[in-house]
């Protein structure tokens, strides 16, 4: 189950939030080759954040997934940074992404693990 958390210091109205998480979910599912019905996206706007000594628009993303293949990480990074730039006007160099490959036995769902 891919899990994407997006934190930003930008205040976003509901329609922007819904559009962003839907686009993010589709990107993650498509690039990881996983069904979108397993993808979870959480958006936390209006966070108090600072990067490089300034509170200019920024984002921190965490993407965790079982079997996160290294060859797709570069494309995912580019796609997600581009999404932040297009949807939130956050420059690509103001978005950090943490990628984590989660072991199956450490990921719970539906009363069990994968």
N, C-alpha and C. Protein backbone atom coordinates (compact mmCIF):
# COMPACT_ATOMS: atom_id res chain seq x y z
N UNK A 1 0.83 -1.17 0.00
CA UNK A 1 0.00 0.00 0.00
C UNK A 1 0.88 1.24 0.00
N UNK A 2 0.99 1.93 -1.10
CA UNK A 2 1.73 3.19 -1.09
C UNK A 2 1.02 4.23 -0.24
N UNK A 3 1.82 4.96 0.52
CA UNK A 3 1.32 6.01 1.38
C UNK A 3 2.11 7.29 1.10
N UNK A 4 1.41 8.35 0.75
CA UNK A 4 2.05 9.63 0.48
C UNK A 4 1.50 10.67 1.43
N UNK A 5 2.40 11.31 2.18
CA UNK A 5 2.02 12.43 3.04
C UNK A 5 2.62 13.70 2.46
N UNK A 6 1.79 14.71 2.28
CA UNK A 6 2.23 15.99 1.76
C UNK A 6 2.02 17.04 2.84
N UNK A 7 3.09 17.69 3.24
CA UNK A 7 3.01 18.79 4.19
C UNK A 7 3.49 20.05 3.48
N UNK A 8 2.77 21.12 3.65
CA UNK A 8 3.15 22.39 3.04
C UNK A 8 2.77 23.54 3.96
N UNK A 9 3.45 24.64 3.77
CA UNK A 9 3.12 25.84 4.54
C UNK A 9 2.07 26.68 3.82
N UNK A 10 1.56 26.21 2.70
CA UNK A 10 0.58 26.94 1.92
C UNK A 10 -0.84 26.67 2.43
N UNK A 11 -1.62 27.73 2.53
CA UNK A 11 -3.05 27.60 2.85
C UNK A 11 -3.77 27.26 1.55
N UNK A 12 -4.60 26.24 1.58
CA UNK A 12 -5.25 25.77 0.35
C UNK A 12 -6.75 25.64 0.57
N UNK A 13 -7.53 26.08 -0.40
CA UNK A 13 -8.97 25.89 -0.27
C UNK A 13 -9.31 24.44 -0.59
N UNK A 14 -10.52 24.04 -0.24
CA UNK A 14 -10.93 22.64 -0.35
C UNK A 14 -10.80 22.09 -1.77
N UNK A 15 -11.16 22.88 -2.77
CA UNK A 15 -11.11 22.37 -4.14
C UNK A 15 -9.67 22.11 -4.58
N UNK A 16 -8.74 22.96 -4.16
CA UNK A 16 -7.31 22.75 -4.49
C UNK A 16 -6.81 21.50 -3.77
N UNK A 17 -7.22 21.33 -2.53
CA UNK A 17 -6.79 20.15 -1.76
C UNK A 17 -7.26 18.87 -2.43
N UNK A 18 -8.54 18.82 -2.80
CA UNK A 18 -9.09 17.61 -3.43
C UNK A 18 -8.41 17.32 -4.78
N UNK A 19 -8.19 18.35 -5.55
CA UNK A 19 -7.52 18.17 -6.85
C UNK A 19 -6.10 17.65 -6.65
N UNK A 20 -5.38 18.23 -5.70
CA UNK A 20 -4.00 17.84 -5.46
C UNK A 20 -3.89 16.39 -5.02
N UNK A 21 -4.70 15.96 -4.06
CA UNK A 21 -4.56 14.58 -3.58
C UNK A 21 -4.99 13.57 -4.65
N UNK A 22 -5.96 13.91 -5.48
CA UNK A 22 -6.35 13.00 -6.56
C UNK A 22 -5.24 12.86 -7.59
N UNK A 23 -4.62 13.97 -7.96
CA UNK A 23 -3.52 13.91 -8.92
C UNK A 23 -2.32 13.18 -8.34
N UNK A 24 -2.02 13.42 -7.07
CA UNK A 24 -0.90 12.75 -6.42
C UNK A 24 -1.14 11.24 -6.35
N UNK A 25 -2.36 10.84 -6.02
CA UNK A 25 -2.70 9.42 -5.95
C UNK A 25 -2.50 8.74 -7.30
N UNK A 26 -2.95 9.39 -8.36
CA UNK A 26 -2.81 8.83 -9.70
C UNK A 26 -1.35 8.70 -10.11
N UNK A 27 -0.53 9.70 -9.77
CA UNK A 27 0.90 9.65 -10.09
C UNK A 27 1.57 8.48 -9.39
N UNK A 28 1.32 8.35 -8.09
CA UNK A 28 1.95 7.29 -7.31
C UNK A 28 1.53 5.92 -7.84
N UNK A 29 0.25 5.72 -8.04
CA UNK A 29 -0.24 4.42 -8.54
C UNK A 29 0.35 4.11 -9.91
N UNK A 30 0.30 5.09 -10.80
CA UNK A 30 0.78 4.86 -12.15
C UNK A 30 2.26 4.55 -12.22
N UNK A 31 3.06 5.30 -11.50
CA UNK A 31 4.50 5.11 -11.58
C UNK A 31 4.99 3.89 -10.80
N UNK A 32 4.24 3.50 -9.78
CA UNK A 32 4.62 2.29 -9.05
C UNK A 32 3.96 1.04 -9.62
N UNK A 33 3.03 1.23 -10.55
CA UNK A 33 2.35 0.09 -11.14
C UNK A 33 1.47 -0.65 -10.14
N UNK A 34 0.88 0.09 -9.22
CA UNK A 34 0.03 -0.52 -8.19
C UNK A 34 -1.39 0.00 -8.35
N UNK A 35 -2.39 -0.79 -7.97
CA UNK A 35 -3.77 -0.32 -8.08
C UNK A 35 -4.01 0.90 -7.20
N UNK A 36 -4.73 1.87 -7.73
CA UNK A 36 -4.97 3.09 -6.97
C UNK A 36 -5.82 2.83 -5.73
N UNK A 37 -6.58 1.74 -5.71
CA UNK A 37 -7.40 1.47 -4.53
C UNK A 37 -6.56 1.08 -3.31
N UNK A 38 -5.24 0.93 -3.47
CA UNK A 38 -4.35 0.69 -2.34
C UNK A 38 -3.57 1.94 -1.93
N UNK A 39 -3.68 3.02 -2.70
CA UNK A 39 -2.90 4.24 -2.44
C UNK A 39 -3.63 5.13 -1.43
N UNK A 40 -2.88 5.60 -0.43
CA UNK A 40 -3.41 6.55 0.54
C UNK A 40 -2.60 7.83 0.45
N UNK A 41 -3.30 8.97 0.43
CA UNK A 41 -2.65 10.28 0.39
C UNK A 41 -3.21 11.14 1.51
N UNK A 42 -2.32 11.75 2.25
CA UNK A 42 -2.71 12.69 3.30
C UNK A 42 -2.09 14.03 2.97
N UNK A 43 -2.89 15.07 3.08
CA UNK A 43 -2.43 16.42 2.82
C UNK A 43 -2.56 17.24 4.10
N UNK A 44 -1.48 17.88 4.51
CA UNK A 44 -1.48 18.75 5.68
C UNK A 44 -1.05 20.15 5.24
N UNK A 45 -2.02 20.99 4.86
CA UNK A 45 -1.67 22.37 4.47
C UNK A 45 -1.52 23.27 5.70
N UNK A 46 -1.06 24.46 5.44
CA UNK A 46 -0.96 25.51 6.48
C UNK A 46 -0.08 25.11 7.66
N UNK A 47 0.97 24.35 7.40
CA UNK A 47 1.90 23.95 8.45
C UNK A 47 2.92 25.07 8.68
N UNK A 48 3.36 25.22 9.91
CA UNK A 48 4.43 26.15 10.21
C UNK A 48 5.73 25.47 9.80
N UNK A 49 6.37 26.00 8.75
CA UNK A 49 7.55 25.36 8.20
C UNK A 49 8.58 26.41 7.79
N UNK A 50 9.85 26.00 7.83
CA UNK A 50 10.94 26.87 7.43
C UNK A 50 11.97 26.04 6.68
N UNK A 51 12.48 26.54 5.59
CA UNK A 51 13.53 25.86 4.83
C UNK A 51 14.49 26.90 4.31
N UNK A 52 15.79 26.66 4.48
CA UNK A 52 16.84 27.57 4.04
C UNK A 52 16.65 28.96 4.64
N UNK A 53 16.14 29.00 5.87
CA UNK A 53 16.00 30.25 6.59
C UNK A 53 14.82 31.11 6.18
N UNK A 54 13.92 30.57 5.36
CA UNK A 54 12.78 31.36 4.90
C UNK A 54 11.50 30.52 4.91
N UNK A 55 10.38 31.21 5.07
CA UNK A 55 9.09 30.52 5.02
C UNK A 55 8.42 30.69 3.66
N UNK A 56 9.20 30.97 2.62
CA UNK A 56 8.65 30.99 1.26
C UNK A 56 7.99 29.64 0.99
N UNK A 57 7.08 29.56 0.01
CA UNK A 57 6.36 28.32 -0.24
C UNK A 57 7.30 27.10 -0.30
N UNK A 58 6.91 26.06 0.45
CA UNK A 58 7.71 24.84 0.49
C UNK A 58 6.83 23.64 0.79
N UNK A 59 7.40 22.47 0.54
CA UNK A 59 6.67 21.22 0.81
C UNK A 59 7.65 20.14 1.23
N UNK A 60 7.17 19.25 2.10
CA UNK A 60 7.89 18.04 2.49
C UNK A 60 6.96 16.87 2.23
N UNK A 61 7.42 15.91 1.45
CA UNK A 61 6.62 14.74 1.11
C UNK A 61 7.30 13.49 1.65
N UNK A 62 6.50 12.54 2.10
CA UNK A 62 6.99 11.23 2.51
C UNK A 62 6.24 10.19 1.69
N UNK A 63 6.97 9.36 0.98
CA UNK A 63 6.36 8.27 0.22
C UNK A 63 6.90 6.95 0.73
N UNK A 64 6.00 6.14 1.24
CA UNK A 64 6.35 4.82 1.75
C UNK A 64 5.58 3.80 0.93
N UNK A 65 6.27 2.71 0.60
CA UNK A 65 5.61 1.66 -0.17
C UNK A 65 6.35 0.34 -0.01
N UNK A 66 5.61 -0.74 -0.11
CA UNK A 66 6.21 -2.06 -0.13
C UNK A 66 6.80 -2.26 -1.52
N UNK A 67 8.05 -2.65 -1.57
CA UNK A 67 8.69 -2.90 -2.86
C UNK A 67 8.87 -1.64 -3.67
N UNK A 68 9.43 -0.61 -3.06
CA UNK A 68 9.68 0.66 -3.75
C UNK A 68 10.93 0.49 -4.60
N UNK A 69 10.76 0.30 -5.92
CA UNK A 69 11.93 0.01 -6.77
C UNK A 69 12.77 1.26 -7.02
N UNK A 70 14.08 1.14 -6.77
CA UNK A 70 14.98 2.27 -6.94
C UNK A 70 14.94 2.89 -8.33
N UNK A 71 14.77 2.11 -9.40
CA UNK A 71 14.77 2.74 -10.73
C UNK A 71 13.63 3.74 -10.96
N UNK A 72 12.54 3.67 -10.20
CA UNK A 72 11.42 4.60 -10.42
C UNK A 72 11.49 5.84 -9.52
N UNK A 73 12.40 5.84 -8.55
CA UNK A 73 12.44 6.93 -7.58
C UNK A 73 12.77 8.26 -8.24
N UNK A 74 13.70 8.29 -9.17
CA UNK A 74 14.05 9.54 -9.84
C UNK A 74 12.85 10.13 -10.57
N UNK A 75 12.12 9.28 -11.31
CA UNK A 75 10.93 9.77 -12.03
C UNK A 75 9.84 10.21 -11.07
N UNK A 76 9.66 9.47 -9.98
CA UNK A 76 8.67 9.86 -8.98
C UNK A 76 9.03 11.21 -8.36
N UNK A 77 10.31 11.40 -8.06
CA UNK A 77 10.75 12.67 -7.50
C UNK A 77 10.44 13.82 -8.45
N UNK A 78 10.77 13.63 -9.71
CA UNK A 78 10.50 14.67 -10.70
C UNK A 78 9.00 14.94 -10.83
N UNK A 79 8.21 13.87 -10.91
CA UNK A 79 6.76 14.03 -11.08
C UNK A 79 6.12 14.71 -9.89
N UNK A 80 6.51 14.33 -8.68
CA UNK A 80 5.92 14.92 -7.48
C UNK A 80 6.37 16.37 -7.28
N UNK A 81 7.64 16.66 -7.58
CA UNK A 81 8.11 18.05 -7.49
C UNK A 81 7.41 18.91 -8.54
N UNK A 82 7.20 18.36 -9.73
CA UNK A 82 6.47 19.08 -10.77
C UNK A 82 5.04 19.33 -10.34
N UNK A 83 4.40 18.35 -9.72
CA UNK A 83 3.04 18.52 -9.22
C UNK A 83 2.97 19.65 -8.20
N UNK A 84 3.93 19.70 -7.27
CA UNK A 84 3.95 20.77 -6.27
C UNK A 84 4.13 22.13 -6.95
N UNK A 85 4.96 22.17 -7.98
CA UNK A 85 5.19 23.43 -8.71
C UNK A 85 3.94 23.87 -9.46
N UNK A 86 3.30 22.92 -10.13
CA UNK A 86 2.12 23.27 -10.94
C UNK A 86 0.90 23.60 -10.09
N UNK A 87 0.67 22.84 -9.06
CA UNK A 87 -0.55 23.00 -8.26
C UNK A 87 -0.42 24.03 -7.14
N UNK A 88 0.79 24.16 -6.57
CA UNK A 88 0.96 25.01 -5.39
C UNK A 88 1.96 26.15 -5.60
N UNK A 89 2.50 26.26 -6.79
CA UNK A 89 3.52 27.28 -7.09
C UNK A 89 4.72 27.19 -6.15
N UNK A 90 5.11 25.97 -5.84
CA UNK A 90 6.30 25.74 -5.02
C UNK A 90 7.44 25.35 -5.95
N UNK A 91 8.53 26.12 -5.91
CA UNK A 91 9.67 25.81 -6.77
C UNK A 91 10.20 24.42 -6.43
N UNK A 92 10.67 23.72 -7.46
CA UNK A 92 11.14 22.35 -7.26
C UNK A 92 12.24 22.25 -6.21
N UNK A 93 13.07 23.27 -6.13
CA UNK A 93 14.17 23.23 -5.15
C UNK A 93 13.71 23.57 -3.73
N UNK A 94 12.38 23.70 -3.54
CA UNK A 94 11.82 23.93 -2.21
C UNK A 94 10.90 22.78 -1.79
N UNK A 95 11.08 21.64 -2.47
CA UNK A 95 10.34 20.43 -2.11
C UNK A 95 11.33 19.32 -1.78
N UNK A 96 11.21 18.76 -0.60
CA UNK A 96 11.98 17.58 -0.20
C UNK A 96 11.05 16.38 -0.21
N UNK A 97 11.60 15.23 -0.57
CA UNK A 97 10.82 13.99 -0.55
C UNK A 97 11.64 12.90 0.12
N UNK A 98 11.04 12.23 1.08
CA UNK A 98 11.67 11.07 1.72
C UNK A 98 11.00 9.82 1.17
N UNK A 99 11.78 8.94 0.58
CA UNK A 99 11.28 7.67 0.05
C UNK A 99 11.67 6.55 1.00
N UNK A 100 10.70 5.70 1.33
CA UNK A 100 10.95 4.58 2.22
C UNK A 100 10.37 3.31 1.63
N UNK A 101 11.20 2.27 1.54
CA UNK A 101 10.76 0.95 1.10
C UNK A 101 10.39 0.16 2.35
N UNK A 102 9.11 -0.09 2.55
CA UNK A 102 8.64 -0.76 3.76
C UNK A 102 8.64 -2.28 3.58
N UNK A 103 9.20 -3.01 4.53
CA UNK A 103 9.13 -4.47 4.47
C UNK A 103 7.68 -4.94 4.62
N UNK A 104 7.30 -5.98 3.90
CA UNK A 104 5.92 -6.49 3.93
C UNK A 104 5.43 -6.80 5.35
N UNK A 105 6.27 -7.40 6.14
CA UNK A 105 5.84 -7.81 7.48
C UNK A 105 5.66 -6.62 8.43
N UNK A 106 6.08 -5.43 8.00
CA UNK A 106 5.95 -4.23 8.83
C UNK A 106 4.84 -3.31 8.35
N UNK A 107 3.99 -3.81 7.45
CA UNK A 107 2.90 -2.99 6.89
C UNK A 107 1.60 -3.73 7.13
N UNK A 108 0.76 -3.16 8.01
CA UNK A 108 -0.49 -3.82 8.36
C UNK A 108 -1.67 -3.30 7.55
N UNK A 109 -2.62 -4.19 7.32
CA UNK A 109 -3.85 -3.85 6.60
C UNK A 109 -4.86 -4.95 6.81
N UNK A 110 -6.10 -4.58 7.00
CA UNK A 110 -7.22 -5.52 7.04
C UNK A 110 -7.01 -6.62 8.09
N UNK A 111 -6.44 -6.24 9.22
CA UNK A 111 -6.25 -7.19 10.31
C UNK A 111 -5.03 -8.06 10.19
N UNK A 112 -4.19 -7.84 9.19
CA UNK A 112 -2.98 -8.65 9.01
C UNK A 112 -1.86 -7.79 8.46
N UNK A 113 -0.91 -8.44 7.85
CA UNK A 113 0.19 -7.74 7.18
C UNK A 113 0.28 -8.25 5.76
N UNK A 114 1.07 -7.54 4.97
CA UNK A 114 1.24 -7.95 3.58
C UNK A 114 2.30 -9.02 3.47
